[in-house]
Protein backbone atom coordinates (compact mmCIF):
# COMPACT_ATOMS: atom_id res chain seq x y z
CA UNK A 1 23.27 33.36 -0.35
CA UNK A 2 22.84 32.00 3.17
CA UNK A 3 19.12 31.38 2.52
CA UNK A 4 19.93 29.44 -0.64
CA UNK A 5 22.46 27.29 1.20
CA UNK A 6 19.92 26.54 3.96
CA UNK A 7 17.35 25.57 1.34
CA UNK A 8 19.77 23.18 -0.39
CA UNK A 9 20.64 21.55 2.93
CA UNK A 10 16.93 21.07 3.77
CA UNK A 11 16.23 19.51 0.35
CA UNK A 12 19.19 17.16 0.72
CA UNK A 13 18.07 16.06 4.21
CA UNK A 14 14.50 15.56 3.10
CA UNK A 15 15.62 13.52 0.09
CA UNK A 16 17.84 11.27 2.22
CA UNK A 17 15.03 10.73 4.74
CA UNK A 18 12.61 9.65 2.01
CA UNK A 19 15.21 7.26 0.56
CA UNK A 20 15.55 5.54 4.00
CA UNK A 21 12.00 4.14 3.74
CA UNK A 22 11.84 0.74 2.08
CA UNK A 23 8.69 -1.37 2.16
CA UNK A 24 10.24 -4.28 0.27
CA UNK A 25 9.19 -7.60 1.82
CA UNK A 26 6.23 -9.67 2.93
CA UNK A 27 3.41 -8.00 4.84
CA UNK A 28 0.47 -9.90 6.32
CA UNK A 29 -2.48 -9.21 8.52
CA UNK A 30 -6.23 -8.44 8.45
CA UNK A 31 -8.52 -7.46 5.60
CA UNK A 32 -12.02 -6.57 6.81
CA UNK A 33 -14.65 -6.11 4.10
CA UNK A 34 -17.71 -3.90 4.79
CA UNK A 35 -20.80 -5.24 3.05
CA UNK A 36 -23.68 -3.18 1.70
CA UNK A 37 -25.75 -4.30 4.70
CA UNK A 38 -23.16 -2.83 7.10
CA UNK A 39 -21.80 -6.17 8.24
CA UNK A 40 -18.06 -6.80 8.32
CA UNK A 41 -16.47 -9.94 6.95
CA UNK A 42 -13.04 -10.66 8.38
CA UNK A 43 -10.38 -12.06 6.09
CA UNK A 44 -6.59 -11.99 5.66
CA UNK A 45 -4.22 -10.08 3.41
CA UNK A 46 -0.70 -10.78 2.16
CA UNK A 47 1.27 -8.11 0.31
CA UNK A 48 4.53 -9.10 -1.41
CA UNK A 49 6.18 -5.73 -2.14
CA UNK A 50 9.31 -4.64 -3.98
CA UNK A 51 10.31 -0.96 -3.79
CA UNK A 52 12.57 0.80 -6.28
CA UNK A 53 12.80 4.49 -5.43
CA UNK A 54 9.18 5.65 -5.18
CA UNK A 55 7.83 2.85 -7.39
CA UNK A 56 6.26 -0.24 -5.74
CA UNK A 57 5.73 -3.51 -7.64
CA UNK A 58 4.78 -6.98 -6.46
CA UNK A 59 1.46 -8.60 -5.65
CA UNK A 60 -1.46 -8.60 -3.22
CA UNK A 61 -3.99 -11.22 -2.20
CA UNK A 62 -5.69 -13.09 0.67
CA UNK A 63 -2.70 -15.47 1.00
CA UNK A 64 0.55 -16.38 -0.74
CA UNK A 65 -1.15 -18.91 -2.98
CA UNK A 66 -3.64 -16.39 -4.38
CA UNK A 67 -1.90 -13.20 -5.46
CA UNK A 68 -2.72 -10.46 -7.96
CA UNK A 69 -0.09 -8.35 -9.68
CA UNK A 70 0.25 -4.71 -8.61
CA UNK A 71 -0.33 -2.78 -11.82
CA UNK A 72 0.48 0.64 -10.32
CA UNK A 73 2.18 1.43 -7.03
CA UNK A 74 4.07 4.32 -5.45
CA UNK A 75 5.15 5.67 -2.12
CA UNK A 76 5.44 9.35 -1.22
CA UNK A 77 6.62 9.93 2.33
CA UNK A 78 4.42 7.64 4.44
CA UNK A 79 1.57 7.47 1.87
CA UNK A 80 1.33 4.35 -0.33
CA UNK A 81 -1.05 3.92 -3.28
CA UNK A 82 -1.47 0.59 -5.03
CA UNK A 83 -3.67 -0.68 -7.82
CA UNK A 84 -4.42 -4.23 -8.77
CA UNK A 85 -7.07 -6.19 -10.61
CA UNK A 86 -8.98 -9.40 -10.12
CA UNK A 87 -10.57 -10.19 -13.49
CA UNK A 88 -12.68 -7.14 -14.40
CA UNK A 89 -12.54 -5.69 -10.86
CA UNK A 90 -10.09 -2.84 -10.21
CA UNK A 91 -8.78 -2.72 -6.66
CA UNK A 92 -7.34 0.55 -5.24
CA UNK A 93 -5.37 0.74 -2.00
CA UNK A 94 -4.88 4.07 -0.08
CA UNK A 95 -2.44 3.23 2.63
CA UNK A 96 -0.26 4.78 5.34
CA UNK A 97 3.08 3.44 6.52
CA UNK A 98 3.64 3.76 10.26
CA UNK A 99 6.82 2.02 11.37
CA UNK A 100 6.32 -1.68 10.93
CA UNK A 101 2.66 -1.42 9.93
CA UNK A 102 0.70 -0.49 6.82
CA UNK A 103 -2.96 0.42 7.30
CA UNK A 104 -5.67 2.00 5.16
CA UNK A 105 -8.64 1.71 2.90
CA UNK A 106 -9.27 -0.57 -0.04
CA UNK A 107 -11.92 0.13 -2.70
CA UNK A 108 -12.85 -2.17 -5.54
CA UNK A 109 -15.28 -1.71 -8.44
CA UNK A 110 -16.15 -3.58 -11.58
CA UNK A 111 -18.47 -6.16 -13.08
CA UNK A 112 -21.43 -4.46 -11.46
CA UNK A 113 -20.09 -4.69 -7.89
CA UNK A 114 -18.31 -2.54 -5.40
CA UNK A 115 -16.39 -3.32 -2.22
CA UNK A 116 -14.87 -1.38 0.65
CA UNK A 117 -12.41 -2.78 3.16
CA UNK A 118 -9.91 -1.86 5.85
CA UNK A 119 -6.46 -3.39 5.78
CA UNK A 120 -3.91 -3.68 8.61
CA UNK A 121 -0.67 -5.57 7.86
CA UNK A 122 2.69 -5.97 9.52
CA UNK A 123 6.05 -6.77 7.96
CA UNK A 124 6.81 -10.48 8.37
CA UNK A 125 9.99 -10.76 6.26
């Protein structure tokens, strides 16, 4: 009985800790694309995120004027996965939340091309 009570308390604490994380807001920073020749092209990224439970919606793009809808997004602990599209190109984000920063890898494929990038953004609003 005592073990069951301890388990229930741990589950409740873990659930409340996960609920405390909210990535809703504007995030901006760097987006560095690695080309097939090994060269890196520096750019910018703006993520406009809305979190509801573990679901993330909103948009992503190089600036506020050019945004693409997030078609699939979720957060589990400090891991964030997003998916978006730019025409026929599917863009997948594998990200980690660390305090006021989101960093990670971006992979895109479609229309006969592929792209890999590193993203590093901070909350601005």
